[in-house]
Amino acid sequence: MKTSNKAIATSLLLLGMASGAVAGPYTIDDDGADMYIGQGTDGNGNSLGDVFGTSQYEVFGMDVSNDLSTLFVTVYTNFDELKNADYDYGDLFIDTDGWSPDGTAGSQYADDNNSNQGNWDYAVDVSSLVGGFASLIDLDGATLLNTSAVSTRENQEVAYLSGGSVAGSADLSINAGTSLSFQIALADLGLNALGNNEVGFRWTMTCANDVVEGAANVPEPGTLALLGLGLLGLGLRKRVKS
């Protein structure tokens, strides 16, 4: 019986402490009636709808999850800056104080722009990518790159420009025309896996022809459940040893 209890305790411990990274992701969809579109016209006052331009600018959505130490964010998009001489990948914006766009889901936040939304706290500077790592920028005091040309969705923040300070680094891998995947230490964002935070996220290319934006819970519910299993495993191990 002791052998059986020890095996159970060890299994629960490994499941709870080592499996956080495979917890199911929280998805922010760029589809449906409640998706974020934001402010933007074609220069003649006509709404752009979801995607301005061809399907090469499509953003499908964003997966957000975390384990006990790391935030995982994957953006799914057709955009490939190597095939587009005019525009680049934008930066991943993060607001650790929650998501506060102007307007409502029913209106698809049609009046939201770079001047009336709550401030973003951090950005992963995609343009700084070297050897699989990009700078995480604390945006306090920073200046952002905003769109203004008629050929883009105007008045939208798309990238970090200058100022602020480096808060850490993020692992970043780009699968051109498919996805961008980020890994960021929770501690660098002032977050932890035992907190209960609504966090805002935003990504677009530098023309902002399609934008994905929304909120996710950090930690996600599955992470807390796995932590509970880990603590249960530790408790059972102590009982077995005693």
Protein backbone atom coordinates (compact mmCIF):
# COMPACT_ATOMS: atom_id res chain seq x y z
CA MET A 1 0.00 0.00 0.00
CA LYS A 2 2.87 2.38 0.80
CA THR A 3 4.29 1.86 -2.67
CA SER A 4 0.90 2.65 -4.22
CA ASN A 5 0.47 5.84 -2.15
CA LYS A 6 3.97 7.01 -3.05
CA ALA A 7 3.33 6.42 -6.74
CA ILE A 8 0.08 8.40 -6.55
CA ALA A 9 1.76 11.24 -4.69
CA THR A 10 4.63 11.40 -7.17
CA SER A 11 2.27 11.37 -10.15
CA LEU A 12 0.16 14.18 -8.73
CA LEU A 13 3.24 16.22 -7.92
CA LEU A 14 4.63 15.89 -11.43
CA LEU A 15 1.26 16.69 -12.98
CA GLY A 16 0.72 19.78 -10.88
CA MET A 17 4.22 21.24 -11.00
CA ALA A 18 5.45 20.31 -14.47
CA SER A 19 2.37 20.40 -16.69
CA GLY A 20 1.30 24.02 -16.41
CA ALA A 21 2.65 24.87 -19.86
CA VAL A 22 0.25 22.46 -21.56
CA ALA A 23 -2.89 23.91 -19.97
CA GLY A 24 -5.57 24.85 -22.45
CA PRO A 25 -5.12 28.37 -23.92
CA TYR A 26 -7.48 31.29 -23.53
CA THR A 27 -8.35 32.46 -27.04
CA ILE A 28 -9.07 36.06 -28.09
CA ASP A 29 -10.90 35.66 -31.41
CA ASP A 30 -10.73 38.19 -34.22
CA ASP A 31 -14.07 37.02 -35.50
CA GLY A 32 -17.75 37.44 -34.69
CA ALA A 33 -20.00 40.27 -33.61
CA ASP A 34 -18.01 41.11 -30.47
CA MET A 35 -14.52 41.23 -31.99
CA TYR A 36 -12.38 44.34 -31.80
CA ILE A 37 -12.24 46.46 -34.97
CA GLY A 38 -11.43 49.92 -33.63
CA GLN A 39 -11.52 53.30 -35.34
CA GLY A 40 -10.55 53.52 -38.98
CA THR A 41 -11.88 54.64 -42.35
CA ASP A 42 -10.74 54.50 -45.97
CA GLY A 43 -10.07 58.25 -46.08
CA ASN A 44 -13.59 58.99 -47.31
CA GLY A 45 -15.31 58.25 -44.03
CA ASN A 46 -16.27 54.70 -44.98
CA SER A 47 -15.78 52.01 -42.34
CA LEU A 48 -13.05 49.48 -43.10
CA GLY A 49 -14.69 46.50 -41.46
CA ASP A 50 -12.55 43.73 -40.03
CA VAL A 51 -9.74 43.50 -42.61
CA PHE A 52 -8.62 46.47 -44.72
CA GLY A 53 -6.99 45.22 -47.90
CA THR A 54 -6.45 41.66 -49.05
CA SER A 55 -6.33 38.46 -47.02
CA GLN A 56 -2.55 38.85 -46.58
CA TYR A 57 -3.40 41.22 -43.70
CA GLU A 58 -5.74 38.83 -41.89
CA VAL A 59 -5.31 38.30 -38.14
CA PHE A 60 -7.25 35.29 -36.90
CA GLY A 61 -6.80 35.50 -33.14
CA MET A 62 -4.53 35.14 -30.15
CA ASP A 63 -3.92 32.33 -27.66
CA VAL A 64 -2.94 33.27 -24.11
CA SER A 65 -1.87 30.87 -21.36
CA ASN A 66 0.65 30.62 -18.55
CA ASP A 67 2.47 28.21 -16.27
CA LEU A 68 3.79 29.09 -12.82
CA SER A 69 6.47 31.43 -14.15
CA THR A 70 5.87 32.25 -17.81
CA LEU A 71 3.23 33.92 -19.98
CA PHE A 72 2.70 32.34 -23.42
CA VAL A 73 1.09 34.37 -26.21
CA THR A 74 0.65 33.21 -29.82
CA VAL A 75 -0.76 35.48 -32.52
CA TYR A 76 -2.13 33.81 -35.65
CA THR A 77 -1.92 35.89 -38.84
CA ASN A 78 -1.43 35.59 -42.60
CA PHE A 79 0.79 38.66 -42.58
CA ASP A 80 4.42 38.15 -43.65
CA GLU A 81 6.66 41.22 -43.53
CA LEU A 82 9.19 39.51 -45.82
CA LYS A 83 6.57 39.62 -48.59
CA ASN A 84 5.47 43.18 -47.86
CA ALA A 85 7.95 45.99 -48.54
CA ASP A 86 5.76 48.70 -46.99
CA TYR A 87 4.86 47.33 -43.54
CA ASP A 88 6.37 45.31 -40.72
CA TYR A 89 5.25 43.14 -37.82
CA GLY A 90 3.89 45.32 -35.05
CA ASP A 91 4.64 44.88 -31.36
CA LEU A 92 2.73 42.90 -28.75
CA PHE A 93 1.12 45.34 -26.29
CA ILE A 94 0.21 44.25 -22.75
CA ASP A 95 -1.86 46.09 -20.13
CA THR A 96 -1.50 44.42 -16.73
CA ASP A 97 -4.22 46.67 -15.23
CA GLY A 98 -6.96 45.20 -17.42
CA TRP A 99 -8.42 45.98 -20.82
CA SER A 100 -10.07 49.37 -21.29
CA PRO A 101 -10.99 50.13 -24.93
CA ASP A 102 -13.31 53.01 -25.74
CA GLY A 103 -16.82 51.86 -26.66
CA THR A 104 -18.59 48.53 -26.39
CA ALA A 105 -18.44 45.05 -27.89
CA GLY A 106 -21.74 45.65 -29.67
CA SER A 107 -20.20 48.53 -31.60
CA GLN A 108 -16.94 46.58 -32.10
CA TYR A 109 -15.19 49.50 -30.37
CA ALA A 110 -15.55 51.55 -33.54
CA ASP A 111 -14.48 54.80 -31.83
CA ASP A 112 -11.40 53.36 -30.14
CA ASN A 113 -8.06 54.85 -31.14
CA ASN A 114 -4.61 55.58 -29.75
CA SER A 115 -5.77 58.69 -27.86
CA ASN A 116 -8.80 57.46 -25.92
CA GLN A 117 -7.88 53.96 -24.80
CA GLY A 118 -6.22 53.25 -21.46
CA ASN A 119 -2.43 53.22 -21.46
CA TRP A 120 -0.53 50.04 -22.34
CA ASP A 121 2.00 49.04 -19.69
CA TYR A 122 4.44 46.95 -21.73
CA ALA A 123 5.36 46.08 -25.30
CA VAL A 124 7.51 43.34 -26.77
CA ASP A 125 9.62 45.19 -29.34
CA VAL A 126 9.49 42.76 -32.27
CA SER A 127 11.94 44.86 -34.29
CA SER A 128 14.63 44.21 -31.65
CA LEU A 129 14.55 40.44 -32.26
CA VAL A 130 18.07 38.95 -32.15
CA GLY A 131 18.86 35.28 -31.63
CA GLY A 132 15.30 34.41 -30.61
CA PHE A 133 15.02 37.18 -27.98
CA ALA A 134 13.28 40.58 -28.15
CA SER A 135 13.24 43.43 -25.64
CA LEU A 136 10.34 43.82 -23.22
CA ILE A 137 9.74 47.57 -22.85
CA ASP A 138 8.14 49.29 -19.86
CA LEU A 139 6.08 51.94 -21.66
CA ASP A 140 5.99 54.46 -18.81
CA GLY A 141 7.09 57.69 -20.54
CA ALA A 142 7.45 55.99 -23.93
CA THR A 143 6.33 57.24 -27.34
CA LEU A 144 4.42 54.85 -29.59
CA LEU A 145 4.26 54.59 -33.36
CA ASN A 146 0.73 55.42 -34.52
CA THR A 147 -0.85 55.06 -37.96
CA SER A 148 -2.01 58.11 -39.89
CA ALA A 149 -1.84 57.41 -43.64
CA VAL A 150 -5.04 56.99 -45.66
CA SER A 151 -3.89 53.54 -46.80
CA THR A 152 -4.02 52.22 -43.21
CA ARG A 153 -6.45 52.05 -40.31
CA GLU A 154 -5.58 55.48 -38.91
CA ASN A 155 -4.96 56.60 -35.34
CA GLN A 156 -4.00 53.14 -34.10
CA GLU A 157 -0.95 52.30 -31.97
CA VAL A 158 1.16 49.69 -33.72
CA ALA A 159 4.65 49.65 -32.21
CA TYR A 160 7.00 51.03 -29.58
CA LEU A 161 8.97 54.01 -30.89
CA SER A 162 11.20 55.50 -28.18
CA GLY A 163 11.58 56.26 -24.48
CA GLY A 164 10.43 54.01 -21.66
CA SER A 165 12.87 51.46 -20.28
CA VAL A 166 13.87 47.85 -20.84
CA ALA A 167 12.07 45.60 -18.33
CA GLY A 168 13.44 42.27 -19.53
CA SER A 169 13.41 40.13 -22.63
CA ALA A 170 10.95 37.80 -24.31
CA ASP A 171 11.49 34.61 -26.26
CA LEU A 172 10.04 35.23 -29.71
CA SER A 173 9.67 32.87 -32.65
CA ILE A 174 8.10 33.91 -35.96
CA ASN A 175 6.57 31.45 -38.39
CA ALA A 176 6.19 33.82 -41.35
CA GLY A 177 2.65 33.98 -42.68
CA THR A 178 1.34 31.81 -39.84
CA SER A 179 2.12 32.97 -36.29
CA LEU A 180 4.26 34.87 -33.79
CA SER A 181 4.87 33.15 -30.44
CA PHE A 182 6.00 35.02 -27.32
CA GLN A 183 7.23 33.76 -23.95
CA ILE A 184 7.53 36.37 -21.19
CA ALA A 185 8.46 35.95 -17.53
CA LEU A 186 5.48 36.79 -15.32
CA ALA A 187 7.82 38.50 -12.86
CA ASP A 188 9.01 40.94 -15.56
CA LEU A 189 5.37 42.01 -15.97
CA GLY A 190 4.77 42.32 -12.23
CA LEU A 191 2.41 39.32 -12.37
CA ASN A 192 2.42 35.98 -10.59
CA ALA A 193 0.60 32.69 -11.02
CA LEU A 194 -1.23 33.11 -7.70
CA GLY A 195 -2.76 36.45 -8.61
CA ASN A 196 -6.12 37.10 -10.22
CA ASN A 197 -5.56 39.54 -13.06
CA GLU A 198 -7.47 40.55 -16.16
CA VAL A 199 -4.75 41.46 -18.64
CA GLY A 200 -5.23 43.30 -21.93
CA PHE A 201 -3.45 42.25 -25.13
CA ARG A 202 -3.10 43.81 -28.57
CA TRP A 203 -1.25 42.99 -31.79
CA THR A 204 -1.32 44.26 -35.35
CA MET A 205 1.05 44.85 -38.25
CA THR A 206 2.34 48.42 -38.68
CA CYS A 207 -0.45 49.33 -41.11
CA ALA A 208 -3.10 48.15 -38.61
CA ASN A 209 -5.14 46.71 -41.50
CA ASP A 210 -6.41 44.10 -39.04
CA VAL A 211 -6.13 44.21 -35.25
CA VAL A 212 -6.61 41.57 -32.57
CA GLU A 213 -7.28 42.95 -29.12
CA GLY A 214 -8.97 41.73 -25.97
CA ALA A 215 -8.56 40.46 -22.43
CA ALA A 216 -7.49 37.21 -20.80
CA ASN A 217 -7.23 36.03 -17.22
CA VAL A 218 -3.70 35.57 -15.87
CA PRO A 219 -3.47 33.09 -14.36
CA GLU A 220 -5.90 31.08 -16.41
CA PRO A 221 -8.16 28.84 -14.27
CA GLY A 222 -6.34 25.69 -15.38
CA THR A 223 -3.07 26.95 -13.92
CA LEU A 224 -4.57 27.34 -10.45
CA ALA A 225 -6.09 23.87 -10.69
CA LEU A 226 -2.71 22.38 -11.60
CA LEU A 227 -1.06 24.27 -8.75
CA GLY A 228 -3.63 22.76 -6.40
CA LEU A 229 -2.77 19.29 -7.68
CA GLY A 230 0.90 20.04 -7.11
CA LEU A 231 0.28 21.10 -3.52
CA LEU A 232 -1.89 18.03 -2.98
CA GLY A 233 0.96 15.88 -4.30
CA LEU A 234 3.39 17.50 -1.85
CA GLY A 235 0.96 16.84 1.00
CA LEU A 236 0.60 13.19 0.07
CA ARG A 237 4.37 12.80 -0.15
CA LYS A 238 4.76 14.17 3.35
CA ARG A 239 2.10 11.75 4.66
CA VAL A 240 3.77 8.81 2.92
CA LYS A 241 7.18 9.69 4.43
CA SER A 242 5.74 10.07 7.92
